[in-house]
């Protein structure tokens, strides 16, 4: 059995709650989350020790102990990416496969540092939004996309990754600038790509399904409503990575996404003005 360790900011969150069962089910028990460490407690959430007792997971006192006990590592803290560098520093020196939960990094510089650290120590590592794995994106023709408009749930700070990642997946890494166009009630942002291509994201609240409209330079268009089990596909990809140690995602996409989100937060302070993205 492959032992998987959780390393988190605090353990009582939705991802940490769901991942153990999904991993167990997807691998028929060949992989299990067995150990965990959390940097802190969070008021109003279950204490880490109680959470671990209920899950049958052993709570350890340090990141080093989790690395020693486990074969593969998941750095969680899904809503607090500002802690990812602190939580991932030792795992990325371990040589063991590491998945870092969304959102990967709070800014482009941190994203680059994390990849450089992993590469220096021969540690296979990746990060992704689960939406990347939605079946609806699998047969989308990438060539000739002129514009994309995305819609989805949640707030920009924690959920924009689920729209930006599929956009970069389809349109590439040549994002050049961003512009905030949203309001307090409906957050939105434009992303300008090379060649005059453009994408936009919209957050319309928790009841809004994820959807995407695409326009091609030949005049054709396409509408996608995301209804597939993207979390199931994500877990299949995660467990395959743990098994093979093979990273199938382009790190340049992950770095470009970090730059878009970082500058999107800056653009929010100056609505309707373009904010240039850093050159590669």
C-alpha atoms as a PDB file:
ATOM      1  CA  UNK A   1       0.000   0.000   0.000  1.00  0.00           C
ATOM      2  CA  UNK A   2       1.251   3.481  -0.878  1.00  0.00           C
ATOM      3  CA  UNK A   3       1.080   5.827   2.090  1.00  0.00           C
ATOM      4  CA  UNK A   4       0.066   9.414   1.366  1.00  0.00           C
ATOM      5  CA  UNK A   5       0.736  12.288   3.737  1.00  0.00           C
ATOM      6  CA  UNK A   6      -1.263  15.505   4.085  1.00  0.00           C
ATOM      7  CA  UNK A   7       0.542  18.732   4.915  1.00  0.00           C
ATOM      8  CA  UNK A   8      -1.887  21.561   5.582  1.00  0.00           C
ATOM      9  CA  UNK A   9      -2.412  24.960   7.136  1.00  0.00           C
ATOM     10  CA  UNK A  10      -5.367  23.537   9.103  1.00  0.00           C
ATOM     11  CA  UNK A  11      -6.941  20.157   8.418  1.00  0.00           C
ATOM     12  CA  UNK A  12     -10.700  20.711   8.628  1.00  0.00           C
ATOM     13  CA  UNK A  13     -11.375  21.889   5.058  1.00  0.00           C
ATOM     14  CA  UNK A  14     -13.425  20.495   2.192  1.00  0.00           C
ATOM     15  CA  UNK A  15     -10.498  19.174   0.160  1.00  0.00           C
ATOM     16  CA  UNK A  16      -8.914  17.341   3.083  1.00  0.00           C
ATOM     17  CA  UNK A  17     -12.322  15.950   3.962  1.00  0.00           C
ATOM     18  CA  UNK A  18     -13.018  14.509   0.507  1.00  0.00           C
ATOM     19  CA  UNK A  19      -9.616  13.475  -0.873  1.00  0.00           C
ATOM     20  CA  UNK A  20      -8.930  10.473   1.431  1.00  0.00           C
ATOM     21  CA  UNK A  21     -12.109   8.624   0.495  1.00  0.00           C
ATOM     22  CA  UNK A  22     -11.786   9.456  -3.173  1.00  0.00           C
ATOM     23  CA  UNK A  23      -8.154   8.265  -3.265  1.00  0.00           C
ATOM     24  CA  UNK A  24      -9.025   5.041  -1.440  1.00  0.00           C
ATOM     25  CA  UNK A  25     -11.933   4.354  -3.793  1.00  0.00           C
ATOM     26  CA  UNK A  26     -10.036   5.231  -6.981  1.00  0.00           C
ATOM     27  CA  UNK A  27      -7.196   2.837  -6.121  1.00  0.00           C
ATOM     28  CA  UNK A  28      -9.219   0.051  -4.476  1.00  0.00           C
ATOM     29  CA  UNK A  29      -7.303   0.652  -1.280  1.00  0.00           C
ATOM     30  CA  UNK A  30      -3.854   0.560  -2.884  1.00  0.00           C
ATOM     31  CA  UNK A  31      -3.274   4.155  -1.793  1.00  0.00           C
ATOM     32  CA  UNK A  32      -4.385   5.624   1.512  1.00  0.00           C
ATOM     33  CA  UNK A  33      -3.925   8.886   3.358  1.00  0.00           C
ATOM     34  CA  UNK A  34      -2.233   7.666   6.515  1.00  0.00           C
ATOM     35  CA  UNK A  35      -0.473  10.636   8.130  1.00  0.00           C
ATOM     36  CA  UNK A  36      -0.975  14.382   8.423  1.00  0.00           C
ATOM     37  CA  UNK A  37       0.519  17.580   9.791  1.00  0.00           C
ATOM     38  CA  UNK A  38      -1.087  20.994  10.145  1.00  0.00           C
ATOM     39  CA  UNK A  39       0.642  24.270  10.811  1.00  0.00           C
ATOM     40  CA  UNK A  40      -2.206  25.788  12.800  1.00  0.00           C
ATOM     41  CA  UNK A  41      -5.722  25.463  14.138  1.00  0.00           C
ATOM     42  CA  UNK A  42      -8.610  27.573  12.839  1.00  0.00           C
ATOM     43  CA  UNK A  43     -11.281  29.026  15.079  1.00  0.00           C
ATOM     44  CA  UNK A  44     -14.677  27.496  14.370  1.00  0.00           C
ATOM     45  CA  UNK A  45     -13.194  24.387  12.719  1.00  0.00           C
ATOM     46  CA  UNK A  46     -12.440  21.002  14.268  1.00  0.00           C
ATOM     47  CA  UNK A  47      -9.101  20.767  16.079  1.00  0.00           C
ATOM     48  CA  UNK A  48      -6.539  18.896  14.001  1.00  0.00           C
ATOM     49  CA  UNK A  49      -6.305  16.026  16.508  1.00  0.00           C
ATOM     50  CA  UNK A  50     -10.061  15.511  16.488  1.00  0.00           C
ATOM     51  CA  UNK A  51     -10.191  15.667  12.688  1.00  0.00           C
ATOM     52  CA  UNK A  52      -7.477  13.008  12.439  1.00  0.00           C
ATOM     53  CA  UNK A  53      -9.149  10.707  14.974  1.00  0.00           C
ATOM     54  CA  UNK A  54     -12.395  10.822  13.021  1.00  0.00           C
ATOM     55  CA  UNK A  55     -10.582  10.094   9.755  1.00  0.00           C
ATOM     56  CA  UNK A  56      -8.341   7.352  11.127  1.00  0.00           C
ATOM     57  CA  UNK A  57      -5.282   9.362  10.084  1.00  0.00           C
ATOM     58  CA  UNK A  58      -2.225   9.703  12.328  1.00  0.00           C
ATOM     59  CA  UNK A  59      -1.420  13.295  13.258  1.00  0.00           C
ATOM     60  CA  UNK A  60       2.329  13.902  13.371  1.00  0.00           C
ATOM     61  CA  UNK A  61       4.231  16.756  14.953  1.00  0.00           C
ATOM     62  CA  UNK A  62       6.276  17.955  12.006  1.00  0.00           C
ATOM     63  CA  UNK A  63       6.479  18.094   8.236  1.00  0.00           C
ATOM     64  CA  UNK A  64       9.696  16.066   8.435  1.00  0.00           C
ATOM     65  CA  UNK A  65       7.840  13.244  10.198  1.00  0.00           C
ATOM     66  CA  UNK A  66       5.164  13.106   7.488  1.00  0.00           C
ATOM     67  CA  UNK A  67       7.815  13.006   4.767  1.00  0.00           C
ATOM     68  CA  UNK A  68       9.599  10.168   6.551  1.00  0.00           C
ATOM     69  CA  UNK A  69       6.398   8.150   7.071  1.00  0.00           C
ATOM     70  CA  UNK A  70       4.875   8.502   3.605  1.00  0.00           C
ATOM     71  CA  UNK A  71       5.547   7.585  -0.024  1.00  0.00           C
ATOM     72  CA  UNK A  72       3.765  10.570  -1.590  1.00  0.00           C
ATOM     73  CA  UNK A  73       2.763  14.000  -0.306  1.00  0.00           C
ATOM     74  CA  UNK A  74      -0.143  16.419  -0.736  1.00  0.00           C
ATOM     75  CA  UNK A  75       0.351  20.031   0.310  1.00  0.00           C
ATOM     76  CA  UNK A  76      -3.173  21.333   0.857  1.00  0.00           C
ATOM     77  CA  UNK A  77      -4.061  24.791   2.240  1.00  0.00           C
ATOM     78  CA  UNK A  78      -6.408  25.295  -0.748  1.00  0.00           C
ATOM     79  CA  UNK A  79      -7.726  28.681   0.367  1.00  0.00           C
ATOM     80  CA  UNK A  80      -4.439  29.985   1.743  1.00  0.00           C
ATOM     81  CA  UNK A  81      -1.804  29.688  -0.989  1.00  0.00           C
ATOM     82  CA  UNK A  82       0.347  32.236   0.841  1.00  0.00           C
ATOM     83  CA  UNK A  83       1.398  29.299   3.063  1.00  0.00           C
ATOM     84  CA  UNK A  84       2.312  26.947   0.220  1.00  0.00           C
ATOM     85  CA  UNK A  85       5.966  27.924   0.050  1.00  0.00           C
ATOM     86  CA  UNK A  86       6.445  27.385   3.790  1.00  0.00           C
ATOM     87  CA  UNK A  87       4.543  24.087   3.755  1.00  0.00           C
ATOM     88  CA  UNK A  88       6.154  22.771   0.553  1.00  0.00           C
ATOM     89  CA  UNK A  89       9.800  23.698   1.173  1.00  0.00           C
ATOM     90  CA  UNK A  90      10.782  20.386   2.781  1.00  0.00           C
ATOM     91  CA  UNK A  91       8.509  18.159   0.668  1.00  0.00           C
ATOM     92  CA  UNK A  92      10.062  19.608  -2.488  1.00  0.00           C
ATOM     93  CA  UNK A  93      13.484  18.554  -1.240  1.00  0.00           C
ATOM     94  CA  UNK A  94      12.339  14.997  -0.509  1.00  0.00           C
ATOM     95  CA  UNK A  95      12.446  13.434  -3.964  1.00  0.00           C
ATOM     96  CA  UNK A  96       8.993  11.980  -3.294  1.00  0.00           C
ATOM     97  CA  UNK A  97       6.045  12.894  -5.564  1.00  0.00           C
ATOM     98  CA  UNK A  98       4.338  16.077  -4.350  1.00  0.00           C
ATOM     99  CA  UNK A  99       0.998  17.541  -5.346  1.00  0.00           C
ATOM    100  CA  UNK A 100       0.352  21.153  -4.282  1.00  0.00           C
ATOM    101  CA  UNK A 101      -3.324  22.028  -4.123  1.00  0.00           C
ATOM    102  CA  UNK A 102      -4.915  24.961  -5.905  1.00  0.00           C
ATOM    103  CA  UNK A 103      -4.210  27.852  -5.938  1.00  0.00           C
ATOM    104  CA  UNK A 104      -0.531  26.977  -6.490  1.00  0.00           C
ATOM    105  CA  UNK A 105       1.145  30.238  -5.507  1.00  0.00           C
ATOM    106  CA  UNK A 106       0.156  33.781  -4.549  1.00  0.00           C
ATOM    107  CA  UNK A 107       2.403  35.281  -7.242  1.00  0.00           C
ATOM    108  CA  UNK A 108       4.621  34.434 -10.192  1.00  0.00           C
ATOM    109  CA  UNK A 109       7.910  34.742  -8.289  1.00  0.00           C
ATOM    110  CA  UNK A 110       6.807  32.203  -5.704  1.00  0.00           C
ATOM    111  CA  UNK A 111       5.622  29.828  -8.436  1.00  0.00           C
ATOM    112  CA  UNK A 112       9.012  29.990 -10.145  1.00  0.00           C
ATOM    113  CA  UNK A 113      10.854  29.405  -6.860  1.00  0.00           C
ATOM    114  CA  UNK A 114       8.757  26.330  -6.055  1.00  0.00           C
ATOM    115  CA  UNK A 115       9.463  24.751  -9.441  1.00  0.00           C
ATOM    116  CA  UNK A 116      13.168  25.573  -9.177  1.00  0.00           C
ATOM    117  CA  UNK A 117      13.371  23.966  -5.739  1.00  0.00           C
ATOM    118  CA  UNK A 118      11.618  20.816  -6.935  1.00  0.00           C
ATOM    119  CA  UNK A 119      13.863  20.537  -9.986  1.00  0.00           C
ATOM    120  CA  UNK A 120      17.011  21.083  -7.935  1.00  0.00           C
ATOM    121  CA  UNK A 121      16.147  18.092  -5.736  1.00  0.00           C
ATOM    122  CA  UNK A 122      14.667  15.839  -8.421  1.00  0.00           C
ATOM    123  CA  UNK A 123      11.207  16.007  -6.859  1.00  0.00           C
ATOM    124  CA  UNK A 124       8.281  15.412  -9.230  1.00  0.00           C
ATOM    125  CA  UNK A 125       5.640  18.053  -8.510  1.00  0.00           C
ATOM    126  CA  UNK A 126       2.600  19.683 -10.045  1.00  0.00           C
ATOM    127  CA  UNK A 127      -0.487  21.688  -9.160  1.00  0.00           C
ATOM    128  CA  UNK A 128      -3.844  22.020 -10.878  1.00  0.00           C
ATOM    129  CA  UNK A 129      -7.429  23.093 -10.604  1.00  0.00           C
ATOM    130  CA  UNK A 130      -9.730  20.091 -10.759  1.00  0.00           C
ATOM    131  CA  UNK A 131     -11.594  21.890 -13.571  1.00  0.00           C
ATOM    132  CA  UNK A 132      -8.673  21.179 -15.892  1.00  0.00           C
ATOM    133  CA  UNK A 133      -9.871  17.566 -15.890  1.00  0.00           C
ATOM    134  CA  UNK A 134     -13.455  18.278 -16.982  1.00  0.00           C
ATOM    135  CA  UNK A 135     -14.353  15.952 -19.860  1.00  0.00           C
ATOM    136  CA  UNK A 136     -15.990  18.821 -21.740  1.00  0.00           C
ATOM    137  CA  UNK A 137     -12.575  20.393 -22.439  1.00  0.00           C
ATOM    138  CA  UNK A 138     -11.006  17.205 -23.799  1.00  0.00           C
ATOM    139  CA  UNK A 139     -12.119  17.569 -27.428  1.00  0.00           C
ATOM    140  CA  UNK A 140     -12.005  21.362 -27.690  1.00  0.00           C
ATOM    141  CA  UNK A 141     -10.033  22.498 -30.735  1.00  0.00           C
ATOM    142  CA  UNK A 142      -7.345  24.883 -29.479  1.00  0.00           C
ATOM    143  CA  UNK A 143      -6.193  26.245 -32.818  1.00  0.00           C
ATOM    144  CA  UNK A 144      -7.930  29.441 -33.868  1.00  0.00           C
ATOM    145  CA  UNK A 145      -9.562  30.387 -30.562  1.00  0.00           C
ATOM    146  CA  UNK A 146     -10.073  34.145 -30.732  1.00  0.00           C
ATOM    147  CA  UNK A 147     -12.090  34.730 -27.575  1.00  0.00           C
ATOM    148  CA  UNK A 148     -13.377  32.897 -24.521  1.00  0.00           C
ATOM    149  CA  UNK A 149     -15.975  33.933 -21.982  1.00  0.00           C
ATOM    150  CA  UNK A 150     -16.141  31.897 -18.762  1.00  0.00           C
ATOM    151  CA  UNK A 151     -18.709  31.800 -15.976  1.00  0.00           C
ATOM    152  CA  UNK A 152     -18.532  30.172 -12.577  1.00  0.00           C
ATOM    153  CA  UNK A 153     -19.201  30.104  -8.871  1.00  0.00           C
ATOM    154  CA  UNK A 154     -17.396  31.529  -5.894  1.00  0.00           C
ATOM    155  CA  UNK A 155     -15.303  34.632  -5.376  1.00  0.00           C
ATOM    156  CA  UNK A 156     -12.283  35.729  -7.375  1.00  0.00           C
ATOM    157  CA  UNK A 157      -9.809  35.259  -4.526  1.00  0.00           C
ATOM    158  CA  UNK A 158     -10.303  31.497  -4.189  1.00  0.00           C
ATOM    159  CA  UNK A 159     -12.308  30.354  -7.233  1.00  0.00           C
ATOM    160  CA  UNK A 160     -10.854  32.299 -10.176  1.00  0.00           C
ATOM    161  CA  UNK A 161      -8.295  29.508 -10.628  1.00  0.00           C
ATOM    162  CA  UNK A 162     -11.134  27.263 -11.847  1.00  0.00           C
ATOM    163  CA  UNK A 163     -11.802  29.592 -14.773  1.00  0.00           C
ATOM    164  CA  UNK A 164      -8.280  30.847 -15.480  1.00  0.00           C
ATOM    165  CA  UNK A 165      -6.716  27.386 -15.620  1.00  0.00           C
ATOM    166  CA  UNK A 166      -8.981  26.070 -18.413  1.00  0.00           C
ATOM    167  CA  UNK A 167      -8.471  29.338 -20.306  1.00  0.00           C
ATOM    168  CA  UNK A 168      -4.679  28.983 -20.198  1.00  0.00           C
ATOM    169  CA  UNK A 169      -5.003  25.279 -20.977  1.00  0.00           C
ATOM    170  CA  UNK A 170      -6.852  26.184 -24.199  1.00  0.00           C
ATOM    171  CA  UNK A 171      -5.339  29.541 -25.198  1.00  0.00           C
ATOM    172  CA  UNK A 172      -1.737  29.031 -24.082  1.00  0.00           C
ATOM    173  CA  UNK A 173       0.699  30.912 -21.899  1.00  0.00           C
ATOM    174  CA  UNK A 174       1.009  34.140 -23.902  1.00  0.00           C
ATOM    175  CA  UNK A 175      -1.188  36.274 -21.645  1.00  0.00           C
ATOM    176  CA  UNK A 176       0.002  39.880 -21.814  1.00  0.00           C
ATOM    177  CA  UNK A 177      -2.288  41.975 -19.630  1.00  0.00           C
ATOM    178  CA  UNK A 178      -5.378  41.939 -17.409  1.00  0.00           C
ATOM    179  CA  UNK A 179      -8.188  44.390 -16.667  1.00  0.00           C
ATOM    180  CA  UNK A 180     -10.675  44.353 -13.790  1.00  0.00           C
ATOM    181  CA  UNK A 181     -14.259  44.892 -14.968  1.00  0.00           C
ATOM    182  CA  UNK A 182     -16.235  43.599 -12.017  1.00  0.00           C
ATOM    183  CA  UNK A 183     -18.435  45.022  -9.291  1.00  0.00           C
ATOM    184  CA  UNK A 184     -18.990  44.139  -5.651  1.00  0.00           C
ATOM    185  CA  UNK A 185     -21.895  41.920  -6.703  1.00  0.00           C
ATOM    186  CA  UNK A 186     -20.312  40.327  -9.754  1.00  0.00           C
ATOM    187  CA  UNK A 187     -16.537  40.025 -10.035  1.00  0.00           C
ATOM    188  CA  UNK A 188     -15.078  39.845 -13.536  1.00  0.00           C
ATOM    189  CA  UNK A 189     -11.794  40.295 -15.366  1.00  0.00           C
ATOM    190  CA  UNK A 190     -10.445  40.490 -18.933  1.00  0.00           C
ATOM    191  CA  UNK A 191      -7.258  38.714 -19.960  1.00  0.00           C
ATOM    192  CA  UNK A 192      -5.488  39.985 -23.057  1.00  0.00           C
ATOM    193  CA  UNK A 193      -3.460  37.401 -24.989  1.00  0.00           C
ATOM    194  CA  UNK A 194      -0.982  37.788 -27.816  1.00  0.00           C
ATOM    195  CA  UNK A 195      -2.381  38.471 -31.262  1.00  0.00           C
ATOM    196  CA  UNK A 196      -5.372  40.403 -29.955  1.00  0.00           C
ATOM    197  CA  UNK A 197      -6.988  37.317 -28.453  1.00  0.00           C
ATOM    198  CA  UNK A 198      -9.040  37.857 -25.325  1.00  0.00           C
ATOM    199  CA  UNK A 199     -10.657  35.904 -22.502  1.00  0.00           C
ATOM    200  CA  UNK A 200     -12.951  36.977 -19.688  1.00  0.00           C
ATOM    201  CA  UNK A 201     -14.031  35.424 -16.425  1.00  0.00           C
ATOM    202  CA  UNK A 202     -17.226  36.100 -14.464  1.00  0.00           C
ATOM    203  CA  UNK A 203     -18.220  35.114 -10.925  1.00  0.00           C
ATOM    204  CA  UNK A 204     -21.997  35.033 -10.586  1.00  0.00           C
ATOM    205  CA  UNK A 205     -22.379  33.398  -7.183  1.00  0.00           C
ATOM    206  CA  UNK A 206     -22.494  29.947  -5.648  1.00  0.00           C
ATOM    207  CA  UNK A 207     -25.427  28.734  -7.740  1.00  0.00           C
ATOM    208  CA  UNK A 208     -23.738  29.570 -11.041  1.00  0.00           C
ATOM    209  CA  UNK A 209     -22.531  26.494 -12.940  1.00  0.00           C
ATOM    210  CA  UNK A 210     -19.140  26.492 -14.617  1.00  0.00           C
ATOM    211  CA  UNK A 211     -19.565  27.258 -18.306  1.00  0.00           C
ATOM    212  CA  UNK A 212     -17.516  28.519 -21.248  1.00  0.00           C
ATOM    213  CA  UNK A 213     -18.304  30.145 -24.582  1.00  0.00           C
ATOM    214  CA  UNK A 214     -15.649  30.026 -27.318  1.00  0.00           C
ATOM    215  CA  UNK A 215     -15.351  32.077 -30.509  1.00  0.00           C
ATOM    216  CA  UNK A 216     -12.994  31.030 -33.321  1.00  0.00           C
ATOM    217  CA  UNK A 217     -11.271  33.217 -35.883  1.00  0.00           C
ATOM    218  CA  UNK A 218     -13.187  31.379 -38.642  1.00  0.00           C
ATOM    219  CA  UNK A 219     -16.479  32.613 -37.189  1.00  0.00           C
ATOM    220  CA  UNK A 220     -17.490  29.370 -35.515  1.00  0.00           C
ATOM    221  CA  UNK A 221     -18.482  29.269 -31.871  1.00  0.00           C
ATOM    222  CA  UNK A 222     -19.078  26.703 -29.157  1.00  0.00           C
ATOM    223  CA  UNK A 223     -20.768  26.649 -25.744  1.00  0.00           C
ATOM    224  CA  UNK A 224     -19.753  24.296 -22.921  1.00  0.00           C
ATOM    225  CA  UNK A 225     -21.561  23.649 -19.651  1.00  0.00           C
ATOM    226  CA  UNK A 226     -19.375  21.680 -17.265  1.00  0.00           C
ATOM    227  CA  UNK A 227     -21.403  18.728 -15.999  1.00  0.00           C
ATOM    228  CA  UNK A 228     -18.852  15.893 -15.955  1.00  0.00           C
ATOM    229  CA  UNK A 229     -17.272  14.428 -12.821  1.00  0.00           C
ATOM    230  CA  UNK A 230     -14.133  16.536 -13.001  1.00  0.00           C
ATOM    231  CA  UNK A 231     -13.148  15.774  -9.404  1.00  0.00           C
ATOM    232  CA  UNK A 232     -13.220  12.053 -10.173  1.00  0.00           C
ATOM    233  CA  UNK A 233     -11.010  12.590 -13.213  1.00  0.00           C
ATOM    234  CA  UNK A 234      -8.701  14.803 -11.158  1.00  0.00           C
ATOM    235  CA  UNK A 235      -8.258  12.069  -8.532  1.00  0.00           C
ATOM    236  CA  UNK A 236      -7.502   9.534 -11.274  1.00  0.00           C
ATOM    237  CA  UNK A 237      -4.808  11.861 -12.576  1.00  0.00           C
ATOM    238  CA  UNK A 238      -3.431  12.455  -9.083  1.00  0.00           C
ATOM    239  CA  UNK A 239      -3.151   8.774  -8.213  1.00  0.00           C
ATOM    240  CA  UNK A 240      -1.582   7.999 -11.591  1.00  0.00           C
ATOM    241  CA  UNK A 241       1.031  10.679 -10.849  1.00  0.00           C
ATOM    242  CA  UNK A 242       1.764   9.121  -7.484  1.00  0.00           C
ATOM    243  CA  UNK A 243       2.115   5.726  -9.146  1.00  0.00           C
ATOM    244  CA  UNK A 244       4.277   6.771 -12.123  1.00  0.00           C
ATOM    245  CA  UNK A 245       5.926   9.985 -10.851  1.00  0.00           C
ATOM    246  CA  UNK A 246       5.266  11.373 -14.334  1.00  0.00           C
ATOM    247  CA  UNK A 247       4.191  15.036 -14.527  1.00  0.00           C
ATOM    248  CA  UNK A 248       1.893  15.637 -17.509  1.00  0.00           C
ATOM    249  CA  UNK A 249       1.246  19.348 -17.021  1.00  0.00           C
ATOM    250  CA  UNK A 250       3.413  22.080 -18.495  1.00  0.00           C
ATOM    251  CA  UNK A 251       4.904  24.120 -15.649  1.00  0.00           C
ATOM    252  CA  UNK A 252       4.813  27.220 -17.856  1.00  0.00           C
ATOM    253  CA  UNK A 253       1.017  27.063 -17.762  1.00  0.00           C
ATOM    254  CA  UNK A 254       1.063  26.946 -13.958  1.00  0.00           C
ATOM    255  CA  UNK A 255       3.459  29.909 -13.817  1.00  0.00           C
ATOM    256  CA  UNK A 256       1.364  31.895 -16.311  1.00  0.00           C
ATOM    257  CA  UNK A 257      -1.758  31.230 -14.240  1.00  0.00           C
ATOM    258  CA  UNK A 258       0.001  32.506 -11.107  1.00  0.00           C
ATOM    259  CA  UNK A 259       0.970  35.709 -12.948  1.00  0.00           C
ATOM    260  CA  UNK A 260      -2.586  36.268 -14.193  1.00  0.00           C
ATOM    261  CA  UNK A 261      -4.112  35.814 -10.742  1.00  0.00           C
ATOM    262  CA  UNK A 262      -1.464  37.937  -9.011  1.00  0.00           C
ATOM    263  CA  UNK A 263      -2.007  40.829 -11.401  1.00  0.00           C
ATOM    264  CA  UNK A 264      -5.760  40.328 -11.381  1.00  0.00           C
ATOM    265  CA  UNK A 265      -5.712  41.235  -7.691  1.00  0.00           C
ATOM    266  CA  UNK A 266      -3.685  44.335  -8.547  1.00  0.00           C
ATOM    267  CA  UNK A 267      -6.062  45.226 -11.379  1.00  0.00           C
ATOM    268  CA  UNK A 268      -8.975  45.089  -8.940  1.00  0.00           C
ATOM    269  CA  UNK A 269      -7.546  48.222  -7.325  1.00  0.00           C
ATOM    270  CA  UNK A 270      -7.655  50.163 -10.619  1.00  0.00           C
ATOM    271  CA  UNK A 271     -10.771  49.002 -12.536  1.00  0.00           C
ATOM    272  CA  UNK A 272     -10.984  49.449 -16.317  1.00  0.00           C
ATOM    273  CA  UNK A 273      -7.261  49.964 -16.706  1.00  0.00           C
ATOM    274  CA  UNK A 274      -4.921  47.434 -18.272  1.00  0.00           C
ATOM    275  CA  UNK A 275      -2.243  45.969 -15.994  1.00  0.00           C
ATOM    276  CA  UNK A 276       0.686  44.550 -17.939  1.00  0.00           C
ATOM    277  CA  UNK A 277       1.931  41.093 -17.040  1.00  0.00           C
ATOM    278  CA  UNK A 278       5.653  40.454 -16.497  1.00  0.00           C
ATOM    279  CA  UNK A 279       7.625  39.362 -19.533  1.00  0.00           C
ATOM    280  CA  UNK A 280       9.038  35.865 -19.469  1.00  0.00           C
END
